[in-house]
N, C-alpha and C. Protein backbone atom coordinates (compact mmCIF):
# COMPACT_ATOMS: atom_id res chain seq x y z
N MET A 1 3.29 17.07 -8.51
CA MET A 1 3.17 15.86 -8.34
C MET A 1 4.59 14.88 -8.96
N THR A 2 5.28 14.22 -8.54
CA THR A 2 6.26 13.57 -9.38
C THR A 2 6.42 12.52 -10.18
N GLU A 3 6.96 11.63 -11.15
CA GLU A 3 6.49 10.46 -11.63
C GLU A 3 6.65 9.64 -10.68
N PRO A 4 5.81 8.23 -10.66
CA PRO A 4 6.61 7.36 -9.83
C PRO A 4 7.72 6.54 -10.71
N LEU A 5 8.81 5.96 -9.48
CA LEU A 5 9.85 5.44 -9.43
C LEU A 5 9.58 3.67 -10.85
N ALA A 6 8.57 4.01 -9.99
CA ALA A 6 8.13 2.23 -10.86
C ALA A 6 6.86 1.95 -10.89
N THR A 7 5.99 1.54 -12.30
CA THR A 7 4.82 1.36 -12.47
C THR A 7 4.60 -0.46 -12.58
N HIS A 8 3.55 -0.79 -12.44
CA HIS A 8 3.13 -2.18 -12.32
C HIS A 8 1.47 -2.15 -12.84
N ASP A 9 1.34 -3.12 -13.74
CA ASP A 9 0.14 -3.29 -14.34
C ASP A 9 -0.48 -4.38 -13.53
N PHE A 10 -1.75 -4.28 -12.81
CA PHE A 10 -2.24 -5.26 -12.01
C PHE A 10 -2.80 -6.85 -12.56
N GLY A 11 -3.03 -6.53 -14.11
CA GLY A 11 -3.55 -7.46 -15.17
C GLY A 11 -2.40 -8.36 -15.54
N ASN A 12 -1.57 -8.58 -15.10
CA ASN A 12 -0.11 -9.18 -15.84
C ASN A 12 0.24 -9.68 -14.36
N GLY A 13 -0.36 -11.12 -14.23
CA GLY A 13 -0.02 -11.80 -13.20
C GLY A 13 -0.82 -11.90 -11.89
N GLY A 14 -1.67 -10.78 -11.60
CA GLY A 14 -2.65 -11.07 -10.44
C GLY A 14 -1.95 -10.46 -8.96
N LEU A 15 -2.65 -11.22 -8.21
CA LEU A 15 -2.28 -10.77 -6.60
C LEU A 15 -0.82 -10.73 -6.57
N ASP A 16 -0.49 -12.30 -6.90
CA ASP A 16 0.88 -12.38 -6.42
C ASP A 16 2.26 -11.92 -7.19
N ALA A 17 1.97 -11.57 -8.70
CA ALA A 17 2.63 -10.41 -8.97
C ALA A 17 2.79 -9.16 -8.53
N ALA A 18 1.66 -8.99 -7.97
CA ALA A 18 1.65 -7.25 -7.29
C ALA A 18 2.50 -7.50 -6.33
N ILE A 19 2.04 -8.43 -5.11
CA ILE A 19 2.90 -8.23 -4.09
C ILE A 19 4.23 -8.44 -4.29
N GLU A 20 4.63 -9.02 -5.31
CA GLU A 20 6.42 -9.26 -5.80
C GLU A 20 6.90 -8.47 -6.03
N PHE A 21 5.95 -7.04 -7.15
CA PHE A 21 6.56 -5.79 -7.30
C PHE A 21 6.90 -5.03 -6.28
N PHE A 22 6.43 -5.24 -5.28
CA PHE A 22 6.35 -4.42 -3.90
C PHE A 22 7.61 -4.94 -3.36
N ARG A 23 7.79 -6.16 -3.43
CA ARG A 23 8.76 -6.95 -2.63
C ARG A 23 9.90 -6.07 -3.10
N ARG A 24 10.30 -6.33 -4.61
CA ARG A 24 11.69 -6.33 -5.65
C ARG A 24 12.21 -4.93 -5.32
N THR A 25 10.84 -3.86 -5.96
CA THR A 25 11.61 -2.79 -6.16
C THR A 25 11.28 -1.85 -4.38
N ARG A 26 10.86 -2.73 -3.14
CA ARG A 26 11.35 -1.81 -1.91
C ARG A 26 12.38 -1.18 -1.57
N SER A 27 13.61 -2.12 -1.88
CA SER A 27 14.99 -1.64 -1.68
C SER A 27 15.49 -0.40 -2.18
N GLU A 28 14.28 0.14 -3.00
CA GLU A 28 14.73 1.58 -4.03
C GLU A 28 14.31 2.63 -3.26
N LEU A 29 13.13 2.30 -2.08
CA LEU A 29 12.39 3.29 -1.32
C LEU A 29 13.23 3.37 0.21
N ARG A 30 13.15 4.61 0.76
CA ARG A 30 13.66 4.88 1.94
C ARG A 30 12.83 4.43 3.08
N THR A 31 12.29 5.01 4.23
CA THR A 31 11.24 4.08 5.24
C THR A 31 10.34 4.61 4.45
N LEU A 32 9.19 3.62 4.52
CA LEU A 32 7.39 3.33 3.97
C LEU A 32 6.61 4.42 4.95
N ARG A 33 6.13 5.40 4.76
CA ARG A 33 5.43 6.32 4.86
C ARG A 33 3.88 6.03 4.81
N LEU A 34 3.52 6.04 3.99
CA LEU A 34 2.06 6.34 3.15
C LEU A 34 1.85 5.37 2.39
N VAL A 35 0.45 4.71 2.17
CA VAL A 35 -0.05 4.22 1.02
C VAL A 35 -0.99 4.90 0.63
N ARG A 36 -1.62 5.05 -0.52
CA ARG A 36 -3.12 6.06 -1.36
C ARG A 36 -3.26 4.72 -2.44
N ILE A 37 -4.94 4.74 -1.84
CA ILE A 37 -5.71 4.05 -2.91
C ILE A 37 -6.46 4.99 -3.27
N SER A 38 -6.71 4.76 -4.96
CA SER A 38 -8.23 5.04 -5.53
C SER A 38 -8.77 3.85 -6.31
N THR A 39 -9.65 4.24 -6.66
CA THR A 39 -10.34 3.44 -7.48
C THR A 39 -9.81 2.36 -8.56
N ASP A 40 -8.66 2.63 -9.11
CA ASP A 40 -7.97 2.31 -9.80
C ASP A 40 -6.54 1.94 -9.80
N TRP A 41 -5.82 2.49 -8.71
CA TRP A 41 -4.25 2.57 -8.30
C TRP A 41 -3.95 2.93 -7.09
N VAL A 42 -2.58 2.04 -6.43
CA VAL A 42 -2.74 1.59 -5.53
C VAL A 42 -0.88 2.47 -5.36
N GLN A 43 -0.50 3.64 -4.63
CA GLN A 43 0.46 4.53 -4.12
C GLN A 43 1.67 3.75 -3.40
N LEU A 44 2.65 3.89 -3.10
CA LEU A 44 3.14 3.87 -1.87
C LEU A 44 4.74 4.38 -1.96
N TYR A 45 4.49 5.20 -0.62
CA TYR A 45 5.24 5.97 -0.49
C TYR A 45 6.36 6.31 0.34
N ASP A 46 7.80 6.73 0.41
CA ASP A 46 8.58 6.70 1.52
C ASP A 46 8.60 8.05 2.02
N VAL A 47 9.42 8.36 2.82
CA VAL A 47 9.49 9.30 3.80
C VAL A 47 10.19 10.65 2.70
N ASN A 48 10.34 10.34 2.01
CA ASN A 48 11.59 11.45 0.69
C ASN A 48 10.17 11.87 -0.26
N GLY A 49 9.18 11.35 -0.21
CA GLY A 49 7.98 11.24 -1.27
C GLY A 49 8.17 10.67 -2.43
N ASP A 50 9.08 10.08 -2.42
CA ASP A 50 9.13 9.14 -3.43
C ASP A 50 8.10 7.85 -3.30
N TYR A 51 7.82 7.29 -4.70
CA TYR A 51 6.77 5.99 -5.05
C TYR A 51 6.66 5.13 -5.65
N PHE A 52 6.06 4.46 -5.64
CA PHE A 52 5.96 2.98 -6.49
C PHE A 52 4.21 3.13 -7.25
N GLU A 53 3.73 2.56 -8.07
CA GLU A 53 2.59 3.14 -8.61
C GLU A 53 1.95 1.46 -9.29
N LEU A 54 0.74 1.28 -8.42
CA LEU A 54 0.14 -0.43 -9.17
C LEU A 54 -0.98 0.18 -9.87
N ARG A 55 -0.84 -0.06 -10.69
CA ARG A 55 -2.31 0.50 -11.47
C ARG A 55 -3.41 -0.48 -12.04
N GLY A 56 -4.46 -0.72 -12.14
CA GLY A 56 -5.44 -1.50 -12.00
C GLY A 56 -5.89 -2.32 -10.77
N LEU A 57 -5.51 -1.96 -9.45
CA LEU A 57 -6.03 -2.35 -8.55
C LEU A 57 -6.64 -0.86 -7.55
N GLY A 58 -7.63 -1.38 -6.85
CA GLY A 58 -8.53 0.09 -6.06
C GLY A 58 -8.84 -0.49 -5.18
N TYR A 59 -9.92 0.20 -4.60
CA TYR A 59 -9.83 -0.19 -2.91
C TYR A 59 -11.64 -0.46 -2.95
N PRO A 60 -12.07 -0.45 -4.07
CA PRO A 60 -13.58 -1.58 -4.44
C PRO A 60 -12.89 -3.04 -4.86
N ASP A 61 -11.50 -3.27 -5.07
CA ASP A 61 -11.59 -4.85 -5.54
C ASP A 61 -11.09 -5.58 -4.27
N LYS A 62 -11.35 -6.90 -4.27
CA LYS A 62 -11.23 -7.80 -2.82
C LYS A 62 -9.66 -8.17 -3.29
N ASP A 63 -8.65 -8.03 -3.92
CA ASP A 63 -7.58 -8.45 -4.16
C ASP A 63 -6.33 -6.83 -3.03
N ILE A 64 -7.36 -6.30 -2.63
CA ILE A 64 -6.49 -5.17 -2.26
C ILE A 64 -6.11 -5.56 -0.76
N ILE A 65 -7.00 -6.13 -0.16
CA ILE A 65 -6.55 -6.41 1.35
C ILE A 65 -5.43 -6.91 1.57
N PRO A 66 -5.08 -8.51 0.60
CA PRO A 66 -3.65 -8.34 0.79
C PRO A 66 -2.97 -7.81 0.36
N VAL A 67 -2.50 -7.03 -0.57
CA VAL A 67 -1.74 -5.92 -0.74
C VAL A 67 -1.68 -4.99 0.21
N LEU A 68 -2.55 -4.49 0.97
CA LEU A 68 -2.30 -3.89 2.13
C LEU A 68 -1.63 -4.17 2.91
N LYS A 69 -1.80 -5.52 3.41
CA LYS A 69 -1.16 -6.34 4.74
C LYS A 69 -0.03 -6.66 4.32
N SER A 70 0.85 -6.43 3.00
CA SER A 70 1.89 -6.87 2.77
C SER A 70 2.90 -5.80 3.07
N PHE A 71 2.68 -4.59 3.36
CA PHE A 71 3.58 -3.74 3.72
C PHE A 71 3.23 -2.81 5.16
N ASP A 72 2.47 -3.96 5.65
CA ASP A 72 1.81 -3.76 6.91
C ASP A 72 1.01 -2.58 7.39
N THR A 73 0.23 -2.24 6.37
CA THR A 73 -0.71 -0.92 6.55
C THR A 73 -1.96 -1.11 7.85
N PRO A 74 -2.33 -0.48 8.82
CA PRO A 74 -3.17 -0.74 9.64
C PRO A 74 -4.67 -0.15 8.61
N PHE A 75 -5.11 -0.94 8.63
CA PHE A 75 -7.22 -0.81 7.83
C PHE A 75 -7.82 -1.42 8.83
N ASN A 76 -9.23 -1.12 8.43
CA ASN A 76 -10.80 -1.87 8.58
C ASN A 76 -10.75 -2.66 7.47
N PRO A 77 -10.37 -3.99 7.71
CA PRO A 77 -11.15 -4.79 6.59
C PRO A 77 -12.28 -4.74 5.60
N GLU A 78 -13.11 -4.34 6.65
CA GLU A 78 -14.75 -4.53 6.35
C GLU A 78 -15.06 -3.51 5.52
N ALA A 79 -14.45 -2.38 6.00
CA ALA A 79 -14.74 -0.71 5.74
C ALA A 79 -14.01 -0.56 4.28
N ILE A 80 -12.89 -1.15 4.36
CA ILE A 80 -11.85 -0.40 2.58
C ILE A 80 -12.70 -0.50 1.62
N HIS A 81 -13.62 -1.22 1.34
CA HIS A 81 -14.42 -1.19 0.32
C HIS A 81 -15.10 -0.14 0.13
N VAL A 82 -15.89 0.52 0.72
CA VAL A 82 -16.95 1.51 1.30
C VAL A 82 -16.55 2.71 0.49
N PRO A 83 -17.30 2.87 -0.74
CA PRO A 83 -16.42 4.35 -1.57
C PRO A 83 -16.80 6.01 -0.76
N ILE A 84 -15.96 6.18 -0.76
CA ILE A 84 -15.73 7.80 -0.37
C ILE A 84 -15.67 8.99 -2.22
N ALA A 85 -16.18 9.90 -0.99
CA ALA A 85 -16.25 11.30 -2.02
C ALA A 85 -14.95 11.47 -2.39
N ALA A 86 -13.70 11.79 -1.91
CA ALA A 86 -12.08 12.23 -1.45
C ALA A 86 -11.90 11.19 -3.18
N PRO A 87 -10.77 11.77 -3.73
CA PRO A 87 -10.50 11.04 -4.78
C PRO A 87 -9.59 9.86 -4.43
N TYR A 88 -9.25 9.78 -3.23
CA TYR A 88 -8.06 8.66 -2.67
C TYR A 88 -8.30 8.47 -1.15
N LYS A 89 -7.88 7.15 -0.76
CA LYS A 89 -7.78 6.92 0.80
C LYS A 89 -5.79 6.97 0.82
N GLU A 90 -5.82 7.22 2.00
CA GLU A 90 -4.60 7.61 2.45
C GLU A 90 -4.52 6.94 3.99
N PHE A 91 -3.10 5.89 3.95
CA PHE A 91 -3.09 5.42 5.19
C PHE A 91 -1.57 5.45 5.49
N LYS A 92 -1.25 5.46 6.74
CA LYS A 92 -0.06 5.12 6.74
C LYS A 92 0.68 3.49 7.12
N THR A 93 1.74 3.65 7.21
CA THR A 93 2.24 2.16 6.52
C THR A 93 3.48 1.81 7.65
N GLY A 94 3.37 0.50 7.56
CA GLY A 94 4.87 0.05 8.06
C GLY A 94 4.54 -0.18 10.09
N ARG A 95 3.18 -0.46 10.36
CA ARG A 95 2.70 -0.65 11.87
C ARG A 95 3.78 -1.26 12.51
N ARG A 96 4.32 -0.92 13.71
CA ARG A 96 5.23 -2.23 14.18
C ARG A 96 4.39 -2.20 15.87
N TYR A 97 5.56 -3.37 16.04
CA TYR A 97 5.29 -3.83 17.68
C TYR A 97 6.14 -3.07 17.97
N PRO A 98 5.79 -2.56 19.29
CA PRO A 98 6.45 -1.91 20.26
C PRO A 98 7.46 -2.35 20.96
N TRP A 99 8.30 -1.89 21.12
CA TRP A 99 9.16 -2.59 22.20
C TRP A 99 9.06 -2.67 23.52
N ALA A 100 9.19 -3.99 23.90
CA ALA A 100 8.71 -4.42 25.71
C ALA A 100 7.41 -4.00 25.80
N ALA A 101 6.38 -4.30 25.10
CA ALA A 101 5.09 -3.94 25.19
C ALA A 101 4.43 -5.61 25.92
N ASP A 102 5.22 -6.30 25.88
CA ASP A 102 4.52 -7.82 26.21
C ASP A 102 5.47 -7.81 28.11
N ARG A 103 6.03 -6.44 28.25
CA ARG A 103 6.96 -6.67 30.02
C ARG A 103 6.05 -5.68 30.78
N VAL A 104 5.94 -6.56 32.16
CA VAL A 104 4.96 -5.97 32.68
C VAL A 104 5.74 -4.81 33.81
N MET A 105 5.28 -3.76 33.61
CA MET A 105 5.81 -2.58 34.40
C MET A 105 5.98 -2.65 35.69
């Protein structure tokens, strides 16, 4: 596994600073592909395998929900905090509204 392109510690500024970190650094990544969340970090990956890491925040924390919503991750907010046996949870990112979904065929 490679090193992250950038890291941020969650304790420095809290939730707003974490969301701003991902927004500010997002231009350095290609199309977002997936997010991995452990008990103490969040890693946001692009299609090339490059990623950013947010340390100090994990799926047991209540602040994980707004962070995941900030990059359009489809997940179940009621089940995100449930512990698992795996080292991390993985979700695809970039939920999109399908073109012409509102049109009648």
